[in-house]
N, C-alpha and C. Protein backbone atom coordinates (compact mmCIF):
# COMPACT_ATOMS: atom_id res chain seq x y z
N MET A 1 0.95 -1.22 -0.38
CA MET A 1 -0.07 0.13 -0.47
C MET A 1 1.10 1.20 -0.01
N LYS A 2 1.93 1.16 0.88
CA LYS A 2 2.79 2.20 0.96
C LYS A 2 3.57 2.70 -0.57
N LYS A 3 3.62 1.68 -1.34
CA LYS A 3 4.29 1.78 -2.66
C LYS A 3 3.57 2.49 -3.52
N GLU A 4 1.94 1.95 -3.54
CA GLU A 4 1.13 2.82 -4.12
C GLU A 4 1.03 3.92 -3.93
N LEU A 5 1.16 4.75 -2.72
CA LEU A 5 0.64 5.74 -2.57
C LEU A 5 1.98 6.71 -2.95
N ILE A 6 3.46 6.02 -2.86
CA ILE A 6 4.36 6.75 -3.17
C ILE A 6 4.61 6.72 -4.77
N PHE A 7 3.98 5.75 -5.46
CA PHE A 7 4.00 5.99 -6.87
C PHE A 7 2.84 6.70 -7.15
N ILE A 8 1.63 7.11 -6.59
CA ILE A 8 0.45 7.78 -6.93
C ILE A 8 1.01 9.55 -6.57
N LEU A 9 1.68 9.72 -5.53
CA LEU A 9 2.66 10.69 -5.41
C LEU A 9 3.51 11.55 -6.20
N ILE A 10 4.18 10.38 -6.70
CA ILE A 10 5.52 10.71 -8.18
C ILE A 10 4.78 11.29 -9.14
N ILE A 11 3.25 10.33 -9.72
CA ILE A 11 2.42 10.73 -10.51
C ILE A 11 2.36 12.38 -10.26
N MET A 12 1.82 12.83 -9.63
CA MET A 12 1.01 13.88 -9.17
C MET A 12 2.22 14.87 -9.49
N LEU A 13 3.57 14.52 -8.65
CA LEU A 13 4.48 15.58 -8.93
C LEU A 13 4.99 15.87 -10.06
N LEU A 14 5.18 14.78 -10.97
CA LEU A 14 5.22 14.76 -12.64
C LEU A 14 4.27 15.62 -13.17
N PHE A 15 2.96 15.51 -12.79
CA PHE A 15 2.12 16.55 -13.44
C PHE A 15 2.19 17.97 -12.87
N PHE A 16 2.34 18.09 -11.72
CA PHE A 16 2.82 19.63 -11.60
C PHE A 16 3.88 19.98 -11.93
N ALA A 17 4.65 18.97 -12.30
CA ALA A 17 6.35 19.56 -13.00
C ALA A 17 6.06 20.29 -14.56
N ILE A 18 4.85 19.08 -15.15
CA ILE A 18 4.61 19.62 -16.22
C ILE A 18 3.60 20.98 -16.28
N HIS A 19 2.87 20.92 -15.56
CA HIS A 19 1.72 22.10 -15.73
C HIS A 19 2.16 23.06 -14.52
N GLY A 20 2.64 22.91 -13.49
CA GLY A 20 3.23 24.07 -12.60
C GLY A 20 2.15 23.89 -11.61
N PHE A 21 2.89 24.62 -10.48
CA PHE A 21 1.59 24.32 -9.28
C PHE A 21 0.92 25.43 -8.73
N GLN A 22 -0.37 25.26 -8.71
CA GLN A 22 -1.14 26.02 -8.19
C GLN A 22 -1.24 26.34 -6.77
N ILE A 23 -1.37 27.89 -6.50
CA ILE A 23 -1.10 28.03 -5.05
C ILE A 23 -2.65 27.75 -4.39
N ASN A 24 -3.42 28.20 -4.80
CA ASN A 24 -4.62 27.66 -4.27
C ASN A 24 -5.85 27.04 -5.03
N THR A 25 -6.86 26.28 -4.48
CA THR A 25 -7.96 25.71 -5.19
C THR A 25 -8.58 26.58 -6.14
N THR A 26 -9.03 27.92 -5.85
CA THR A 26 -9.58 28.47 -6.20
C THR A 26 -9.06 28.92 -7.76
N SER A 27 -7.86 28.96 -7.78
CA SER A 27 -7.50 29.38 -9.50
C SER A 27 -7.69 27.91 -10.15
N ILE A 28 -7.59 26.98 -9.54
CA ILE A 28 -7.94 25.48 -10.35
C ILE A 28 -9.50 25.66 -10.91
N LEU A 29 -10.43 25.85 -9.82
CA LEU A 29 -11.60 25.47 -10.22
C LEU A 29 -12.19 27.01 -10.60
N GLN A 30 -11.68 28.27 -11.03
CA GLN A 30 -12.25 29.09 -11.80
C GLN A 30 -12.53 29.04 -12.88
N GLU A 31 -13.22 29.49 -13.59
CA GLU A 31 -13.46 29.78 -15.10
C GLU A 31 -12.38 30.10 -15.84
N ALA A 32 -11.25 30.06 -15.77
CA ALA A 32 -10.13 30.16 -16.42
C ALA A 32 -10.04 29.36 -17.30
N THR A 33 -9.26 29.51 -18.56
CA THR A 33 -8.85 28.66 -19.92
C THR A 33 -7.48 28.69 -20.16
N ILE A 34 -7.31 27.26 -21.01
CA ILE A 34 -5.84 27.71 -21.67
C ILE A 34 -6.47 27.73 -23.23
N ASP A 35 -5.38 28.75 -23.37
CA ASP A 35 -5.50 28.82 -24.83
C ASP A 35 -4.12 28.33 -25.79
N ILE A 36 -4.60 27.03 -27.01
CA ILE A 36 -3.58 26.75 -27.51
C ILE A 36 -3.84 27.21 -28.99
N ASN A 37 -2.81 27.59 -29.52
CA ASN A 37 -2.79 27.63 -31.02
C ASN A 37 -1.75 26.72 -31.91
N VAL A 38 -2.47 26.29 -32.55
CA VAL A 38 -1.73 25.00 -33.82
C VAL A 38 -2.01 25.69 -35.07
N HIS A 39 -1.03 26.09 -35.79
CA HIS A 39 -1.18 26.84 -37.30
C HIS A 39 -1.83 27.75 -36.77
N ASP A 40 -3.04 27.60 -38.03
CA ASP A 40 -4.26 28.72 -37.81
C ASP A 40 -5.39 28.17 -37.26
N THR A 41 -5.05 27.27 -36.47
CA THR A 41 -6.16 26.78 -35.60
C THR A 41 -6.14 27.08 -33.75
N TYR A 42 -7.41 27.86 -33.26
CA TYR A 42 -6.83 28.47 -32.06
C TYR A 42 -8.24 27.63 -30.95
N PHE A 43 -7.43 26.51 -30.15
CA PHE A 43 -8.53 25.75 -29.04
C PHE A 43 -8.50 26.65 -27.86
N VAL A 44 -9.36 26.70 -27.21
CA VAL A 44 -9.81 27.40 -25.94
C VAL A 44 -10.49 26.18 -25.17
N ILE A 45 -9.58 25.72 -24.01
CA ILE A 45 -10.01 24.78 -23.15
C ILE A 45 -10.13 25.32 -21.68
N PRO A 46 -11.13 24.78 -21.42
CA PRO A 46 -11.49 25.18 -19.82
C PRO A 46 -10.51 24.49 -18.86
N LYS A 47 -9.78 25.11 -18.01
CA LYS A 47 -8.69 24.58 -17.15
C LYS A 47 -8.92 22.96 -16.77
N VAL A 48 -10.36 23.11 -16.00
CA VAL A 48 -10.52 21.75 -15.06
C VAL A 48 -10.65 20.62 -16.23
N TYR A 49 -11.18 20.91 -17.16
CA TYR A 49 -11.05 19.72 -18.23
C TYR A 49 -9.96 19.22 -18.21
N TYR A 50 -9.00 20.47 -18.80
CA TYR A 50 -7.49 19.93 -19.46
C TYR A 50 -6.79 19.38 -18.33
N TRP A 51 -6.83 19.86 -17.06
CA TRP A 51 -6.02 19.30 -15.92
C TRP A 51 -6.49 17.69 -15.57
N THR A 52 -8.29 17.54 -15.76
CA THR A 52 -8.51 16.25 -15.64
C THR A 52 -8.43 15.32 -16.73
N TYR A 53 -8.15 15.74 -17.73
CA TYR A 53 -8.08 14.75 -19.11
C TYR A 53 -6.74 14.47 -18.88
N THR A 54 -5.70 15.34 -18.63
CA THR A 54 -4.19 15.25 -18.42
C THR A 54 -3.82 14.21 -17.18
N LEU A 55 -4.49 14.37 -16.32
CA LEU A 55 -4.31 13.42 -14.77
C LEU A 55 -4.70 11.99 -15.44
N LEU A 56 -5.96 12.00 -16.23
CA LEU A 56 -6.64 10.75 -16.56
C LEU A 56 -5.53 9.98 -17.42
N PHE A 57 -5.07 10.80 -18.53
CA PHE A 57 -4.13 9.96 -19.43
C PHE A 57 -2.73 9.97 -18.71
N LEU A 58 -2.16 10.18 -17.80
CA LEU A 58 -1.22 10.32 -17.28
C LEU A 58 -1.06 9.38 -16.25
N PHE A 59 -2.35 9.00 -15.76
CA PHE A 59 -2.01 7.85 -14.95
C PHE A 59 -2.79 6.70 -15.33
N SER A 60 -3.17 6.65 -16.44
CA SER A 60 -3.37 5.54 -17.23
C SER A 60 -2.15 4.87 -17.81
N ILE A 61 -1.46 5.70 -18.74
CA ILE A 61 -0.17 5.32 -18.81
C ILE A 61 0.88 4.65 -17.94
N CYS A 62 1.03 5.54 -16.94
CA CYS A 62 1.68 5.17 -15.47
C CYS A 62 1.43 3.58 -15.36
N TYR A 63 0.27 3.74 -14.87
CA TYR A 63 -0.55 2.60 -14.29
C TYR A 63 -0.38 1.46 -15.38
N LEU A 64 -0.30 1.51 -16.57
CA LEU A 64 -0.36 0.62 -17.49
C LEU A 64 1.08 0.00 -17.63
N ILE A 65 2.06 1.00 -17.67
CA ILE A 65 3.40 0.40 -17.70
C ILE A 65 3.82 -0.24 -16.57
N ARG A 66 3.25 0.19 -15.10
CA ARG A 66 3.40 -0.44 -13.97
C ARG A 66 2.98 -1.65 -14.21
N VAL A 67 1.89 -2.14 -14.59
CA VAL A 67 1.30 -3.32 -14.74
C VAL A 67 1.98 -4.22 -15.61
N LEU A 68 2.10 -3.51 -16.51
CA LEU A 68 3.36 -4.41 -17.59
C LEU A 68 4.57 -5.19 -17.09
N LEU A 69 5.31 -4.08 -16.20
CA LEU A 69 6.51 -4.45 -15.86
C LEU A 69 6.22 -5.33 -14.65
N LEU A 70 5.36 -5.31 -13.74
CA LEU A 70 5.43 -6.48 -12.87
C LEU A 70 4.41 -7.57 -12.85
N LYS A 71 4.10 -7.42 -14.50
CA LYS A 71 3.46 -8.68 -14.89
C LYS A 71 2.23 -9.17 -13.95
N PHE A 72 1.26 -8.07 -13.97
CA PHE A 72 0.10 -8.22 -13.02
C PHE A 72 0.38 -8.77 -11.76
N ALA A 73 1.34 -8.52 -11.05
CA ALA A 73 1.63 -9.21 -9.65
C ALA A 73 0.73 -8.59 -8.87
N ASN A 74 0.79 -6.95 -8.84
CA ASN A 74 0.31 -6.10 -7.72
C ASN A 74 -1.15 -6.01 -7.89
N ARG A 75 -1.83 -6.28 -7.42
CA ARG A 75 -3.43 -6.43 -7.04
C ARG A 75 -3.98 -5.09 -7.37
N LEU A 76 -3.56 -4.20 -6.57
CA LEU A 76 -3.88 -2.71 -6.38
C LEU A 76 -3.51 -2.06 -7.58
N ALA A 77 -2.42 -2.13 -7.97
CA ALA A 77 -2.32 -1.28 -9.07
C ALA A 77 -3.16 -1.65 -10.35
N ASN A 78 -3.27 -3.40 -10.35
CA ASN A 78 -4.59 -3.77 -11.18
C ASN A 78 -5.63 -2.87 -11.33
N TYR A 79 -6.08 -2.94 -10.30
CA TYR A 79 -7.41 -2.54 -10.11
C TYR A 79 -7.39 -0.82 -10.27
N ILE A 80 -6.33 0.07 -9.84
CA ILE A 80 -6.20 1.33 -10.26
C ILE A 80 -6.05 1.50 -11.34
N TYR A 81 -5.29 0.84 -12.07
CA TYR A 81 -5.22 0.96 -13.94
C TYR A 81 -6.59 0.66 -14.61
N VAL A 82 -7.35 -0.60 -13.83
CA VAL A 82 -8.70 -0.81 -14.53
C VAL A 82 -9.51 0.49 -14.14
N ILE A 83 -9.77 0.92 -13.17
CA ILE A 83 -10.59 2.21 -12.77
C ILE A 83 -10.43 3.46 -13.42
N VAL A 84 -9.04 3.77 -13.63
CA VAL A 84 -8.61 4.97 -14.21
C VAL A 84 -9.03 4.72 -15.81
N ASN A 85 -8.41 3.90 -16.24
CA ASN A 85 -8.68 3.33 -17.70
C ASN A 85 -10.03 3.79 -17.91
N ALA A 86 -10.95 2.96 -17.12
CA ALA A 86 -12.40 3.19 -17.56
C ALA A 86 -12.93 4.62 -17.69
N LEU A 87 -12.44 5.24 -16.71
CA LEU A 87 -13.05 6.59 -16.70
C LEU A 87 -12.44 7.33 -18.05
N LEU A 88 -10.71 7.16 -18.45
CA LEU A 88 -10.54 7.63 -19.53
C LEU A 88 -11.30 7.12 -21.08
N ILE A 89 -11.85 5.93 -20.81
CA ILE A 89 -12.57 5.38 -22.12
C ILE A 89 -13.69 6.05 -22.05
N VAL A 90 -14.44 6.33 -20.97
CA VAL A 90 -15.47 6.98 -20.82
C VAL A 90 -15.54 8.54 -21.71
N TRP A 91 -14.21 9.11 -21.09
CA TRP A 91 -13.85 10.35 -21.51
C TRP A 91 -13.81 10.29 -23.05
N LEU A 92 -13.16 9.57 -23.89
CA LEU A 92 -12.90 9.30 -25.15
C LEU A 92 -14.23 9.01 -25.77
N ILE A 93 -15.15 8.25 -25.36
CA ILE A 93 -16.30 8.22 -25.74
C ILE A 93 -16.64 9.43 -26.00
N PHE A 94 -17.01 10.25 -24.92
CA PHE A 94 -17.63 11.53 -25.12
C PHE A 94 -17.08 12.69 -25.86
N GLU A 95 -15.46 12.47 -26.28
CA GLU A 95 -14.76 13.27 -26.96
C GLU A 95 -15.41 12.92 -28.39
N ILE A 96 -15.25 11.64 -28.69
CA ILE A 96 -15.65 11.12 -30.23
C ILE A 96 -17.05 11.70 -30.70
N HIS A 97 -18.13 11.69 -29.43
CA HIS A 97 -19.38 11.79 -29.53
C HIS A 97 -19.69 13.21 -29.74
N THR A 98 -18.93 14.16 -29.26
CA THR A 98 -18.54 15.50 -29.31
C THR A 98 -17.99 15.96 -31.06
N LEU A 99 -16.95 15.43 -31.26
CA LEU A 99 -16.31 15.50 -32.49
C LEU A 99 -17.24 15.41 -33.49
N ASN A 100 -18.21 14.03 -33.54
CA ASN A 100 -19.23 13.80 -34.28
C ASN A 100 -19.96 14.85 -34.60
N LEU A 101 -20.63 15.42 -33.60
CA LEU A 101 -21.38 16.60 -33.57
C LEU A 101 -21.20 18.04 -34.35
N LEU A 102 -19.67 17.96 -33.79
CA LEU A 102 -19.28 19.40 -34.36
C LEU A 102 -18.82 18.91 -36.07
N LEU A 103 -18.48 17.78 -36.50
CA LEU A 103 -18.47 17.49 -37.88
C LEU A 103 -19.62 17.50 -38.67
N SER A 104 -20.81 17.14 -37.83
CA SER A 104 -21.97 17.21 -38.75
C SER A 104 -22.56 18.65 -38.93
N ASP A 105 -22.22 19.33 -37.97
CA ASP A 105 -22.62 20.68 -37.78
C ASP A 105 -21.63 21.71 -38.97
N PHE A 106 -20.54 21.30 -38.89
CA PHE A 106 -19.86 22.05 -39.78
C PHE A 106 -19.98 21.46 -41.04
N GLN A 107 -20.28 20.29 -41.41
CA GLN A 107 -21.00 20.03 -42.73
C GLN A 107 -22.50 20.31 -43.36
N LYS A 108 -23.06 20.76 -42.20
CA LYS A 108 -24.60 21.35 -42.73
C LYS A 108 -24.68 23.01 -42.99
N ASN A 109 -23.71 23.46 -41.99
CA ASN A 109 -23.36 24.94 -42.34
C ASN A 109 -22.29 24.92 -43.75
N SER A 110 -21.98 24.05 -44.11
CA SER A 110 -20.66 24.37 -45.56
C SER A 110 -19.58 25.08 -45.09
N ILE A 111 -19.29 24.74 -44.00
CA ILE A 111 -17.64 25.13 -43.22
C ILE A 111 -16.59 24.48 -43.55
N GLU A 112 -15.54 24.77 -44.28
CA GLU A 112 -14.73 24.03 -44.53
C GLU A 112 -13.94 23.46 -43.00
N VAL A 113 -13.32 22.28 -43.24
CA VAL A 113 -12.76 21.76 -42.23
C VAL A 113 -11.32 21.12 -42.14
N ASP A 114 -10.73 21.93 -41.05
CA ASP A 114 -9.09 21.98 -41.16
C ASP A 114 -8.87 20.50 -41.45
N GLN A 115 -7.77 19.98 -41.87
CA GLN A 115 -7.11 18.89 -41.87
C GLN A 115 -6.78 18.20 -40.39
N LEU A 116 -6.24 19.10 -39.62
CA LEU A 116 -6.08 18.68 -38.05
C LEU A 116 -6.96 18.35 -37.57
N PHE A 117 -8.34 18.55 -37.72
CA PHE A 117 -9.50 18.33 -37.02
C PHE A 117 -9.73 16.58 -37.18
N TYR A 118 -9.50 16.13 -38.48
CA TYR A 118 -9.70 14.60 -38.44
C TYR A 118 -8.38 14.15 -38.32
N HIS A 119 -7.04 14.51 -38.01
CA HIS A 119 -6.06 14.17 -37.34
C HIS A 119 -6.53 13.83 -36.25
N PHE A 120 -6.63 14.68 -35.27
CA PHE A 120 -7.21 14.73 -33.97
C PHE A 120 -8.24 13.51 -33.72
N PHE A 121 -9.42 13.57 -34.80
CA PHE A 121 -10.27 12.47 -34.54
C PHE A 121 -9.90 10.84 -34.73
N TYR A 122 -8.98 10.91 -35.44
CA TYR A 122 -8.47 9.42 -35.77
C TYR A 122 -7.35 9.17 -34.58
N PHE A 123 -6.73 10.22 -33.87
CA PHE A 123 -5.99 10.03 -32.90
C PHE A 123 -6.88 9.52 -31.57
N ILE A 124 -8.03 10.36 -31.60
CA ILE A 124 -9.06 9.86 -30.20
C ILE A 124 -9.77 8.44 -30.47
N THR A 125 -9.77 7.94 -31.62
CA THR A 125 -10.41 6.85 -31.76
C THR A 125 -9.53 5.86 -31.74
N THR A 126 -8.03 5.78 -32.33
CA THR A 126 -7.02 5.00 -31.92
C THR A 126 -6.68 4.89 -30.44
N ALA A 127 -6.73 5.94 -29.88
CA ALA A 127 -6.40 6.09 -28.56
C ALA A 127 -7.45 5.16 -27.93
N LEU A 128 -9.18 5.11 -28.27
CA LEU A 128 -9.93 4.63 -27.65
C LEU A 128 -9.78 2.95 -27.76
N ILE A 129 -9.26 2.56 -28.70
CA ILE A 129 -9.36 1.35 -29.42
C ILE A 129 -8.27 0.50 -28.69
N PHE A 130 -7.11 1.32 -28.54
CA PHE A 130 -6.16 0.82 -27.69
C PHE A 130 -6.50 0.66 -26.40
N SER A 131 -7.05 1.55 -25.82
CA SER A 131 -7.49 1.92 -24.16
C SER A 131 -8.72 0.66 -23.96
N VAL A 132 -9.35 0.36 -24.95
CA VAL A 132 -10.44 -0.55 -24.68
C VAL A 132 -9.72 -2.21 -24.58
N ILE A 133 -8.37 -2.42 -25.63
CA ILE A 133 -7.85 -3.30 -25.78
C ILE A 133 -7.33 -4.00 -24.11
N PHE A 134 -6.31 -2.97 -24.12
CA PHE A 134 -5.59 -3.07 -22.86
C PHE A 134 -6.45 -3.23 -21.34
N GLU A 135 -7.73 -2.52 -21.59
CA GLU A 135 -8.67 -2.92 -20.61
C GLU A 135 -9.10 -4.22 -20.16
N VAL A 136 -9.40 -4.68 -21.37
CA VAL A 136 -9.95 -6.16 -21.73
C VAL A 136 -9.07 -7.09 -21.17
N TYR A 137 -7.69 -6.88 -21.77
CA TYR A 137 -6.22 -7.72 -21.27
C TYR A 137 -6.31 -7.55 -19.91
N VAL A 138 -6.27 -6.61 -19.61
CA VAL A 138 -5.73 -6.60 -18.00
C VAL A 138 -7.12 -7.12 -16.91
N LEU A 139 -8.30 -7.08 -17.47
CA LEU A 139 -9.55 -7.54 -16.51
C LEU A 139 -9.23 -9.24 -16.84
N TYR A 140 -9.02 -9.61 -18.08
CA TYR A 140 -8.72 -11.07 -18.22
C TYR A 140 -7.59 -11.19 -17.18
N LYS A 141 -6.34 -10.69 -17.49
CA LYS A 141 -5.46 -11.44 -16.16
C LYS A 141 -5.72 -11.25 -14.91
N VAL A 142 -6.46 -10.30 -14.41
CA VAL A 142 -6.88 -10.14 -13.16
C VAL A 142 -8.02 -11.39 -13.14
N TRP A 143 -8.79 -11.45 -13.72
CA TRP A 143 -9.90 -12.76 -13.56
C TRP A 143 -9.04 -14.10 -13.47
N ASN A 144 -7.99 -14.43 -14.13
CA ASN A 144 -7.21 -15.29 -13.95
C ASN A 144 -6.56 -15.68 -12.84
N GLN A 145 -5.88 -14.49 -12.31
CA GLN A 145 -5.21 -14.73 -11.29
C GLN A 145 -6.26 -14.54 -9.88
N LYS A 146 -7.78 -14.18 -10.15
CA LYS A 146 -8.84 -14.53 -8.98
C LYS A 146 -8.67 -15.92 -9.04
N GLN A 147 -9.13 -16.42 -10.27
CA GLN A 147 -9.39 -17.76 -10.46
C GLN A 147 -8.50 -18.90 -10.00
N GLU A 148 -7.32 -18.64 -10.09
CA GLU A 148 -6.03 -19.23 -9.50
C GLU A 148 -5.91 -19.48 -8.05
N THR A 149 -6.15 -18.14 -7.47
CA THR A 149 -6.31 -17.80 -6.03
C THR A 149 -7.44 -18.42 -5.44
N SER A 150 -8.63 -18.85 -6.15
CA SER A 150 -9.83 -19.79 -5.40
C SER A 150 -9.15 -20.92 -5.52
N LYS A 151 -8.45 -21.44 -6.53
CA LYS A 151 -8.16 -22.79 -6.28
C LYS A 151 -7.45 -23.31 -5.51
N ILE A 152 -6.46 -22.28 -5.32
CA ILE A 152 -5.75 -22.65 -4.41
C ILE A 152 -5.88 -22.71 -2.89
N HIS A 153 -7.00 -21.83 -2.55
CA HIS A 153 -7.90 -21.86 -0.99
C HIS A 153 -8.69 -22.66 -1.22
N THR A 154 -9.32 -23.58 -2.35
CA THR A 154 -10.38 -24.81 -2.13
C THR A 154 -9.47 -25.71 -1.76
N LYS A 155 -8.00 -26.03 -2.03
CA LYS A 155 -7.64 -27.17 -2.18
C LYS A 155 -7.33 -27.72 -0.63
């Protein structure tokens, strides 16, 4: 349990090293936005969403690496990965739905869609597919470990 807390602390420190440390929670929770400019496209993202999605992605990747390196031996790490990755999958499904609505709205209004939009859509879809594959694989391994443990205890 202590190792998991240290691992979570390291992920949080990595997150704050990337994004900077906020002095108080009001600056995190207020309606501030992050502005991202890519070529001629300008993205305005609420800070809370950006931080939440970044944390989900960071936890999912870090715990996937940890689960694979430990060969599914740490049950708590497996469960944390399954929960965080499930939240990431829900978010990716929401993003794909939102992008589909945007695309259909753009086509109805005859607005030219930048190629970057399609690349982002394909990236999100690919991330969703791989997340689901890894989620199913980890759940399968956890289920097998549970079955093996129950066989040992019944003998």
